[in-house]
Amino acid sequence: MESFNAIKVFSATKARERSELGEEITRWMDENPGIKIVTTEVKQSSDSEFHCLSIVMFYQKA
């Protein structure tokens, strides 16, 4: 894996927030044009009431 010097975590628990997560990530990437995404991990956890989706982006700052 390439090296990285920063991490950004996006997380949502409510269904509406989860469905909008992609747009939130796109906005963040548009606001940070000088970064290079090295790798991304998608994590999901659940209990009897909540489902949490987390997207972890490892990147290099310019």
N, C-alpha and C. Protein backbone atom coordinates (compact mmCIF):
# COMPACT_ATOMS: atom_id res chain seq x y z
N MET A 1 0.84 -1.18 0.00
CA MET A 1 0.00 0.00 0.00
C MET A 1 0.89 1.24 0.00
N GLU A 2 0.48 2.24 -0.76
CA GLU A 2 1.18 3.51 -0.75
C GLU A 2 1.06 4.14 0.63
N SER A 3 1.97 5.03 0.92
CA SER A 3 1.90 5.70 2.22
C SER A 3 0.83 6.80 2.19
N PHE A 4 0.34 7.13 3.38
CA PHE A 4 -0.66 8.19 3.52
C PHE A 4 -0.25 9.04 4.71
N ASN A 5 -0.74 10.28 4.75
CA ASN A 5 -0.43 11.15 5.88
C ASN A 5 -1.68 11.78 6.49
N ALA A 6 -2.86 11.28 6.09
CA ALA A 6 -4.10 11.79 6.66
C ALA A 6 -5.19 10.74 6.50
N ILE A 7 -6.19 10.84 7.37
CA ILE A 7 -7.34 9.93 7.34
C ILE A 7 -8.60 10.77 7.52
N LYS A 8 -9.64 10.42 6.78
CA LYS A 8 -10.94 11.08 6.93
C LYS A 8 -11.98 9.98 7.12
N VAL A 9 -12.82 10.13 8.14
CA VAL A 9 -13.86 9.13 8.43
C VAL A 9 -15.23 9.76 8.21
N PHE A 10 -16.04 9.08 7.43
CA PHE A 10 -17.43 9.46 7.22
C PHE A 10 -18.27 8.37 7.86
N SER A 11 -19.28 8.77 8.63
CA SER A 11 -20.05 7.78 9.36
C SER A 11 -21.51 8.21 9.43
N ALA A 12 -22.42 7.25 9.36
CA ALA A 12 -23.85 7.54 9.45
C ALA A 12 -24.57 6.34 10.07
N THR A 13 -25.59 6.64 10.88
CA THR A 13 -26.37 5.58 11.50
C THR A 13 -27.81 5.55 11.01
N LYS A 14 -28.37 6.68 10.65
CA LYS A 14 -29.76 6.73 10.20
C LYS A 14 -29.83 6.44 8.70
N ALA A 15 -30.93 5.82 8.28
CA ALA A 15 -31.08 5.41 6.88
C ALA A 15 -30.90 6.58 5.92
N ARG A 16 -31.49 7.70 6.24
CA ARG A 16 -31.38 8.88 5.36
C ARG A 16 -29.93 9.35 5.27
N GLU A 17 -29.24 9.40 6.41
CA GLU A 17 -27.83 9.80 6.42
C GLU A 17 -26.98 8.82 5.61
N ARG A 18 -27.26 7.52 5.74
CA ARG A 18 -26.50 6.53 4.97
C ARG A 18 -26.70 6.71 3.48
N SER A 19 -27.93 7.03 3.08
CA SER A 19 -28.21 7.19 1.65
C SER A 19 -27.55 8.45 1.08
N GLU A 20 -27.24 9.43 1.94
CA GLU A 20 -26.63 10.68 1.49
C GLU A 20 -25.11 10.69 1.67
N LEU A 21 -24.56 9.61 2.18
CA LEU A 21 -23.13 9.57 2.48
C LEU A 21 -22.26 9.77 1.24
N GLY A 22 -22.65 9.20 0.12
CA GLY A 22 -21.88 9.36 -1.11
C GLY A 22 -21.79 10.81 -1.54
N GLU A 23 -22.89 11.55 -1.43
CA GLU A 23 -22.89 12.97 -1.77
C GLU A 23 -22.01 13.77 -0.82
N GLU A 24 -22.03 13.40 0.46
CA GLU A 24 -21.18 14.08 1.44
C GLU A 24 -19.70 13.87 1.10
N ILE A 25 -19.35 12.65 0.73
CA ILE A 25 -17.97 12.35 0.36
C ILE A 25 -17.57 13.11 -0.90
N THR A 26 -18.45 13.15 -1.89
CA THR A 26 -18.16 13.88 -3.12
C THR A 26 -17.94 15.36 -2.83
N ARG A 27 -18.77 15.97 -1.98
CA ARG A 27 -18.59 17.38 -1.61
C ARG A 27 -17.23 17.60 -0.96
N TRP A 28 -16.88 16.72 -0.02
CA TRP A 28 -15.60 16.85 0.68
C TRP A 28 -14.44 16.75 -0.30
N MET A 29 -14.52 15.81 -1.23
CA MET A 29 -13.45 15.66 -2.22
C MET A 29 -13.36 16.89 -3.13
N ASP A 30 -14.51 17.46 -3.50
CA ASP A 30 -14.52 18.68 -4.32
C ASP A 30 -13.90 19.86 -3.57
N GLU A 31 -14.09 19.89 -2.25
CA GLU A 31 -13.54 20.97 -1.42
C GLU A 31 -12.06 20.77 -1.12
N ASN A 32 -11.52 19.60 -1.42
CA ASN A 32 -10.12 19.27 -1.14
C ASN A 32 -9.45 18.71 -2.40
N PRO A 33 -9.30 19.54 -3.44
CA PRO A 33 -8.81 19.03 -4.72
C PRO A 33 -7.35 18.58 -4.71
N GLY A 34 -6.55 18.98 -3.72
CA GLY A 34 -5.14 18.64 -3.72
C GLY A 34 -4.79 17.31 -3.07
N ILE A 35 -5.79 16.52 -2.73
CA ILE A 35 -5.51 15.26 -2.05
C ILE A 35 -5.42 14.11 -3.05
N LYS A 36 -4.76 13.04 -2.62
CA LYS A 36 -4.68 11.82 -3.41
C LYS A 36 -5.15 10.68 -2.52
N ILE A 37 -6.28 10.07 -2.88
CA ILE A 37 -6.82 8.95 -2.11
C ILE A 37 -5.91 7.74 -2.33
N VAL A 38 -5.42 7.16 -1.23
CA VAL A 38 -4.54 6.00 -1.31
C VAL A 38 -5.35 4.72 -1.25
N THR A 39 -6.24 4.64 -0.28
CA THR A 39 -7.12 3.47 -0.16
C THR A 39 -8.35 3.86 0.65
N THR A 40 -9.39 3.05 0.53
CA THR A 40 -10.65 3.29 1.23
C THR A 40 -11.11 1.99 1.86
N GLU A 41 -11.64 2.09 3.08
CA GLU A 41 -12.22 0.92 3.75
C GLU A 41 -13.66 1.23 4.11
N VAL A 42 -14.53 0.28 3.89
CA VAL A 42 -15.94 0.41 4.24
C VAL A 42 -16.23 -0.56 5.38
N LYS A 43 -16.82 -0.03 6.44
CA LYS A 43 -17.13 -0.84 7.63
C LYS A 43 -18.61 -0.69 7.96
N GLN A 44 -19.20 -1.78 8.41
CA GLN A 44 -20.59 -1.73 8.85
C GLN A 44 -20.70 -2.45 10.18
N SER A 45 -21.44 -1.84 11.09
CA SER A 45 -21.71 -2.49 12.37
C SER A 45 -23.19 -2.32 12.68
N SER A 46 -23.73 -3.27 13.40
CA SER A 46 -25.17 -3.24 13.69
C SER A 46 -25.43 -3.80 15.07
N ASP A 47 -26.51 -3.33 15.65
CA ASP A 47 -27.06 -3.96 16.84
C ASP A 47 -28.56 -4.12 16.59
N SER A 48 -29.34 -4.35 17.60
CA SER A 48 -30.76 -4.61 17.39
C SER A 48 -31.53 -3.39 16.90
N GLU A 49 -30.97 -2.18 17.06
CA GLU A 49 -31.69 -0.97 16.67
C GLU A 49 -31.00 -0.15 15.60
N PHE A 50 -29.69 -0.16 15.56
CA PHE A 50 -28.96 0.76 14.69
C PHE A 50 -28.03 0.02 13.74
N HIS A 51 -27.84 0.61 12.58
CA HIS A 51 -26.90 0.12 11.59
C HIS A 51 -25.97 1.28 11.28
N CYS A 52 -24.69 1.12 11.54
CA CYS A 52 -23.73 2.19 11.32
C CYS A 52 -22.86 1.84 10.11
N LEU A 53 -22.77 2.77 9.19
CA LEU A 53 -21.91 2.63 8.03
C LEU A 53 -20.79 3.64 8.15
N SER A 54 -19.56 3.18 8.05
CA SER A 54 -18.39 4.07 8.10
C SER A 54 -17.54 3.85 6.86
N ILE A 55 -17.11 4.94 6.29
CA ILE A 55 -16.19 4.90 5.16
C ILE A 55 -14.94 5.65 5.59
N VAL A 56 -13.82 4.94 5.57
CA VAL A 56 -12.55 5.50 6.03
C VAL A 56 -11.66 5.70 4.81
N MET A 57 -11.23 6.93 4.60
CA MET A 57 -10.39 7.25 3.46
C MET A 57 -8.99 7.61 3.94
N PHE A 58 -8.02 6.90 3.43
CA PHE A 58 -6.61 7.16 3.72
C PHE A 58 -6.06 7.93 2.53
N TYR A 59 -5.46 9.08 2.79
CA TYR A 59 -5.03 9.92 1.67
C TYR A 59 -3.73 10.66 1.97
N GLN A 60 -3.19 11.23 0.90
CA GLN A 60 -1.99 12.08 1.00
C GLN A 60 -2.41 13.53 0.78
N LYS A 61 -1.99 14.38 1.68
CA LYS A 61 -2.19 15.81 1.49
C LYS A 61 -1.09 16.32 0.59
N ALA A 62 -1.43 17.28 -0.24
CA ALA A 62 -0.43 17.87 -1.14
C ALA A 62 0.58 18.70 -0.37
